[in-house]
Amino acid sequence: MIRRALAFQHMDDEPPGLFGRFLAEQGAELDVVMLHKGEAIPSLAPYDFLLVMGGAMDVWETGSHPWLVDEVAAIREWTFNRNRPFMGVCLGLQLLAQALGGEVGLASAAEVGFGKVELNALGLAHPLTQGVPSSIKVMQWHHAEVTRVPEGAEVLASSAVSPVQVMSVGKDILATQFHGELTPALIDRWAHIPQYLSWLDQAMGPGAYQRVKAQSRLQLTRTERISRAMFENLAVNRRSFRAAA
C-alpha cells in the first residue's frame, strides 16, 4: 500500500495528472517538488513511491537547469538503494535511463501527437504491463529518446519512431516515453499557453492544437485505462507478483 508519494515536476503545466488521482484513490499523501522553481529535493526515506514527470528540457541541459544533477542522483538513490516503486513519464523515462547508466540523445525525428505504440513479447508477458492491449494509441511529445538501455532494464514496447516507449527494471520500476498522465483538463489548459501552441504547430503544422484536442476526445478514455493498469500493477499488485516469483 502506498502511504506517501513524492513527485518531481519540471514545468508548471506538466503535473502528475491521472497518476496524482490514482495515488489519491489509494489514500496516499502526495508531495510535489517543483524543481524548476528551485525547490529542494527532500530526504527520500519517508516515501513509498516516486513519480517523475515530463518537461521540455533535456537530460544533458545541466548548465541551464542545474537541478537536473541532483535529480539524477536522487533517482539513482531511489532505484539502486531503496528499490521502491518508481513511475517515470517522458523526461522521467530519460532521467531514469541516465541515472541507471544508459544513454539519451536526440531522436531521429520528433514524435508529437497521438500515435501507435506496440508491446513486444516481453511486454505481453510482463507483470507491469498486464492489462495493457498489445497495440495502443497514446499522446507523444518528445524530440529526445533513450539511445542505450541501461544494464538490467527491459524494453516492453516501441513505436515506429522510438524503440524505447516502455521500460522496466524488475517489478518495481516502470517508465513510459508517452504521456499517460493526461486528462481532458490538462489538454484544455494548453489552449491558454502560447508556447505550447507554438510547439505543436512547429511539430505538426498550423492548427495542430485543435487536431490534438479532437483526437483526445476519442483517446483519453482509453489512455486512462492503460495508465490505471500500469499504475495498479506497480503500486497495488506488486505484492502478489513478488509472491508468485
Protein backbone atom coordinates (compact mmCIF):
# COMPACT_ATOMS: atom_id res chain seq x y z
CA MET A 1 0.00 0.00 0.00
CA ILE A 2 1.29 3.45 -0.93
CA ARG A 3 1.04 5.81 2.04
CA ARG A 4 3.24 8.72 0.98
CA ALA A 5 4.39 9.57 -2.54
CA LEU A 6 6.85 12.09 -3.95
CA ALA A 7 6.64 13.67 -7.41
CA PHE A 8 9.34 15.59 -9.28
CA GLN A 9 7.73 18.23 -11.51
CA HIS A 10 9.72 20.22 -14.11
CA MET A 11 7.19 22.66 -15.58
CA ASP A 12 4.06 24.36 -14.25
CA ASP A 13 1.87 22.62 -16.82
CA GLU A 14 3.32 19.10 -16.55
CA PRO A 15 1.66 17.98 -13.26
CA PRO A 16 1.01 14.41 -12.01
CA GLY A 17 -2.42 14.40 -13.68
CA LEU A 18 -4.00 10.95 -13.71
CA PHE A 19 -1.25 9.47 -11.57
CA GLY A 20 -1.97 12.04 -8.88
CA ARG A 21 -5.61 10.98 -8.99
CA PHE A 22 -4.70 7.30 -8.76
CA LEU A 23 -2.49 7.96 -5.73
CA ALA A 24 -5.31 9.89 -4.06
CA GLU A 25 -7.63 6.93 -4.65
CA GLN A 26 -5.14 4.78 -2.75
CA GLY A 27 -5.29 7.22 0.16
CA ALA A 28 -1.69 8.29 -0.43
CA GLU A 29 -0.34 11.68 0.54
CA LEU A 30 1.45 13.28 -2.43
CA ASP A 31 4.26 15.81 -2.07
CA VAL A 32 5.21 17.61 -5.30
CA VAL A 33 8.66 19.19 -5.68
CA MET A 34 8.72 21.97 -8.31
CA LEU A 35 12.35 21.57 -9.34
CA HIS A 36 12.21 24.30 -11.99
CA LYS A 37 11.27 26.77 -9.25
CA GLY A 38 14.28 25.91 -7.13
CA GLU A 39 12.51 23.70 -4.61
CA ALA A 40 14.90 21.29 -2.92
CA ILE A 41 14.57 17.52 -3.06
CA PRO A 42 13.72 16.26 0.44
CA SER A 43 15.01 13.14 2.11
CA LEU A 44 13.64 10.14 0.24
CA ALA A 45 13.37 8.00 3.36
CA PRO A 46 9.70 8.74 4.24
CA TYR A 47 8.32 7.92 0.79
CA ASP A 48 6.84 4.74 -0.69
CA PHE A 49 6.51 5.86 -4.32
CA LEU A 50 8.42 8.19 -6.65
CA LEU A 51 6.78 9.78 -9.70
CA VAL A 52 8.93 11.73 -12.20
CA MET A 53 7.07 13.85 -14.73
CA GLY A 54 7.89 15.27 -18.17
CA GLY A 55 9.37 18.57 -19.24
CA ALA A 56 10.70 20.48 -22.24
CA MET A 57 14.31 20.39 -21.02
CA ASP A 58 16.77 17.64 -21.98
CA VAL A 59 18.72 15.48 -19.56
CA TRP A 60 22.03 16.96 -20.75
CA GLU A 61 20.98 20.60 -20.20
CA THR A 62 22.54 20.79 -16.75
CA GLY A 63 24.01 24.23 -17.46
CA SER A 64 20.56 25.76 -17.96
CA HIS A 65 18.90 23.50 -15.40
CA PRO A 66 21.49 22.66 -12.73
CA TRP A 67 18.90 20.93 -10.55
CA LEU A 68 18.96 18.04 -13.05
CA VAL A 69 22.21 16.87 -11.43
CA ASP A 70 20.57 16.46 -8.01
CA GLU A 71 17.50 14.90 -9.59
CA VAL A 72 19.50 12.21 -11.38
CA ALA A 73 21.35 11.47 -8.13
CA ALA A 74 18.03 11.17 -6.27
CA ILE A 75 16.62 8.81 -8.91
CA ARG A 76 19.78 6.71 -8.67
CA GLU A 77 19.47 6.58 -4.88
CA TRP A 78 15.80 5.63 -5.12
CA THR A 79 16.30 2.84 -7.64
CA PHE A 80 19.69 1.45 -6.55
CA ASN A 81 19.44 1.81 -2.79
CA ARG A 82 15.74 1.87 -1.92
CA ASN A 83 14.14 -0.27 -4.64
CA ARG A 84 10.67 1.13 -4.08
CA PRO A 85 8.04 1.72 -6.78
CA PHE A 86 9.07 4.25 -9.44
CA MET A 87 6.98 5.66 -12.29
CA GLY A 88 8.53 7.92 -14.93
CA VAL A 89 6.83 9.85 -17.75
CA CYS A 90 8.64 11.14 -20.88
CA LEU A 91 11.56 13.10 -19.39
CA GLY A 92 11.10 10.85 -16.36
CA LEU A 93 11.95 7.84 -18.53
CA GLN A 94 15.02 9.54 -19.92
CA LEU A 95 16.25 10.63 -16.48
CA LEU A 96 15.78 7.08 -15.22
CA ALA A 97 17.82 5.69 -18.11
CA GLN A 98 20.64 8.15 -17.44
CA ALA A 99 20.59 7.52 -13.69
CA LEU A 100 20.98 3.78 -14.28
CA GLY A 101 23.89 4.13 -16.72
CA GLY A 102 22.06 4.26 -20.05
CA GLU A 103 22.26 7.00 -22.65
CA VAL A 104 19.82 9.60 -24.01
CA GLY A 105 20.14 11.56 -27.25
CA LEU A 106 18.15 13.24 -29.96
CA ALA A 107 15.62 11.02 -31.71
CA SER A 108 15.72 10.53 -35.47
CA ALA A 109 12.54 12.63 -35.57
CA ALA A 110 10.30 14.42 -33.11
CA GLU A 111 7.27 12.40 -32.09
CA VAL A 112 4.30 14.64 -31.31
CA GLY A 113 0.58 13.84 -31.24
CA PHE A 114 -1.37 10.63 -30.82
CA GLY A 115 0.49 7.67 -32.27
CA LYS A 116 0.68 3.90 -32.11
CA VAL A 117 2.81 2.05 -29.55
CA GLU A 118 3.05 -1.74 -29.60
CA LEU A 119 4.03 -4.14 -26.84
CA ASN A 120 6.69 -6.69 -27.71
CA ALA A 121 6.82 -10.29 -26.45
CA LEU A 122 8.34 -9.19 -23.15
CA GLY A 123 5.65 -6.56 -22.70
CA LEU A 124 2.86 -9.01 -23.39
CA ALA A 125 4.17 -11.28 -20.61
CA HIS A 126 5.50 -8.75 -18.10
CA PRO A 127 3.61 -8.22 -14.81
CA LEU A 128 3.88 -4.43 -15.07
CA THR A 129 2.06 -4.28 -18.41
CA GLN A 130 -0.63 -6.84 -17.68
CA GLY A 131 -3.99 -5.50 -18.83
CA VAL A 132 -2.41 -3.22 -21.47
CA PRO A 133 -3.55 -4.00 -25.04
CA SER A 134 -0.88 -5.16 -27.46
CA SER A 135 -1.37 -2.04 -29.60
CA ILE A 136 -2.25 1.32 -28.06
CA LYS A 137 -2.64 4.89 -29.30
CA VAL A 138 -1.14 7.42 -26.90
CA MET A 139 -0.01 11.04 -26.73
CA GLN A 140 3.64 11.70 -27.56
CA TRP A 141 5.60 14.92 -27.19
CA HIS A 142 9.36 14.45 -27.34
CA HIS A 143 12.40 15.00 -29.55
CA ALA A 144 14.87 13.03 -27.41
CA GLU A 145 14.85 9.33 -26.60
CA VAL A 146 16.74 6.59 -24.82
CA THR A 147 19.53 5.57 -27.20
CA ARG A 148 21.13 2.93 -24.97
CA VAL A 149 19.11 0.94 -22.46
CA PRO A 150 20.72 0.56 -19.03
CA GLU A 151 22.03 -2.82 -17.95
CA GLY A 152 19.26 -4.79 -16.29
CA ALA A 153 16.45 -2.81 -17.92
CA GLU A 154 13.91 -4.31 -20.32
CA VAL A 155 12.11 -2.65 -23.21
CA LEU A 156 8.44 -3.64 -23.18
CA ALA A 157 7.02 -1.50 -26.01
CA SER A 158 8.14 0.55 -29.01
CA SER A 159 6.79 2.92 -31.65
CA ALA A 160 7.82 3.35 -35.26
CA VAL A 161 9.96 6.34 -34.23
CA SER A 162 11.31 5.46 -30.78
CA PRO A 163 12.34 1.92 -29.83
CA VAL A 164 12.04 2.59 -26.08
CA GLN A 165 8.45 3.52 -25.30
CA VAL A 166 8.00 1.47 -22.12
CA MET A 167 10.96 0.40 -19.99
CA SER A 168 11.05 -1.59 -16.79
CA VAL A 169 13.66 -2.66 -14.29
CA GLY A 170 12.47 -5.65 -12.32
CA LYS A 171 8.96 -5.38 -10.89
CA ASP A 172 9.30 -2.04 -9.09
CA ILE A 173 10.47 0.40 -11.77
CA LEU A 174 8.42 1.42 -14.82
CA ALA A 175 8.59 4.37 -17.19
CA THR A 176 6.94 5.44 -20.44
CA GLN A 177 8.09 7.75 -23.20
CA PHE A 178 4.48 8.67 -23.92
CA HIS A 179 2.24 10.82 -21.73
CA GLY A 180 -0.10 8.57 -19.80
CA GLU A 181 -0.89 11.25 -17.20
CA LEU A 182 -3.03 13.43 -19.46
CA THR A 183 -6.60 14.41 -18.65
CA PRO A 184 -9.06 16.48 -20.72
CA ALA A 185 -8.49 19.38 -18.30
CA LEU A 186 -4.74 19.34 -18.94
CA ILE A 187 -5.23 19.43 -22.70
CA ASP A 188 -7.75 22.28 -22.28
CA ARG A 189 -5.03 24.23 -20.43
CA TRP A 190 -2.75 24.07 -23.45
CA ALA A 191 -5.13 26.38 -25.35
CA HIS A 192 -4.11 29.19 -22.99
CA ILE A 193 -0.33 28.63 -23.22
CA PRO A 194 1.08 30.33 -26.35
CA GLN A 195 4.38 28.44 -26.10
CA TYR A 196 2.60 25.08 -26.15
CA LEU A 197 0.51 26.10 -29.16
CA SER A 198 3.65 27.23 -30.96
CA TRP A 199 5.48 23.99 -30.20
CA LEU A 200 2.55 21.94 -31.52
CA ASP A 201 2.38 23.99 -34.73
CA GLN A 202 6.12 23.62 -35.26
CA ALA A 203 5.90 19.86 -34.89
CA MET A 204 2.59 19.14 -36.64
CA GLY A 205 1.74 22.17 -38.77
CA PRO A 206 -0.75 25.03 -38.31
CA GLY A 207 -3.86 24.27 -36.29
CA ALA A 208 -2.22 21.33 -34.52
CA TYR A 209 -3.83 22.01 -31.16
CA GLN A 210 -7.38 21.66 -32.47
CA ARG A 211 -6.49 18.37 -34.17
CA VAL A 212 -4.88 17.02 -31.00
CA LYS A 213 -7.84 18.11 -28.90
CA ALA A 214 -10.30 16.43 -31.29
CA GLN A 215 -8.29 13.21 -31.13
CA SER A 216 -8.09 13.42 -27.37
CA ARG A 217 -11.87 13.13 -27.09
CA LEU A 218 -11.57 9.65 -28.58
CA GLN A 219 -8.33 8.54 -26.99
CA LEU A 220 -8.13 9.77 -23.39
CA THR A 221 -10.69 7.32 -22.01
CA ARG A 222 -8.56 4.50 -23.41
CA THR A 223 -5.39 6.15 -22.15
CA GLU A 224 -6.83 6.28 -18.65
CA ARG A 225 -7.49 2.54 -18.70
CA ILE A 226 -3.93 1.89 -19.87
CA SER A 227 -2.40 4.19 -17.26
CA ARG A 228 -4.53 2.75 -14.49
CA ALA A 229 -3.50 -0.79 -15.39
CA MET A 230 0.21 0.08 -15.27
CA PHE A 231 -0.14 2.10 -12.07
CA GLU A 232 -2.04 -0.65 -10.28
CA ASN A 233 0.43 -3.29 -11.47
CA LEU A 234 3.23 -1.20 -9.99
CA ALA A 235 1.63 0.20 -6.85
CA VAL A 236 -1.13 -2.25 -5.90
CA ASN A 237 -0.48 -5.69 -7.38
CA ARG A 238 3.28 -5.89 -6.81
CA ARG A 239 2.97 -7.98 -3.64
CA SER A 240 1.14 -10.74 -5.50
CA PHE A 241 3.76 -10.57 -8.27
CA ARG A 242 6.53 -11.00 -5.70
CA ALA A 243 4.74 -13.90 -4.05
CA ALA A 244 4.38 -15.65 -7.38
CA ALA A 245 8.05 -15.11 -8.35
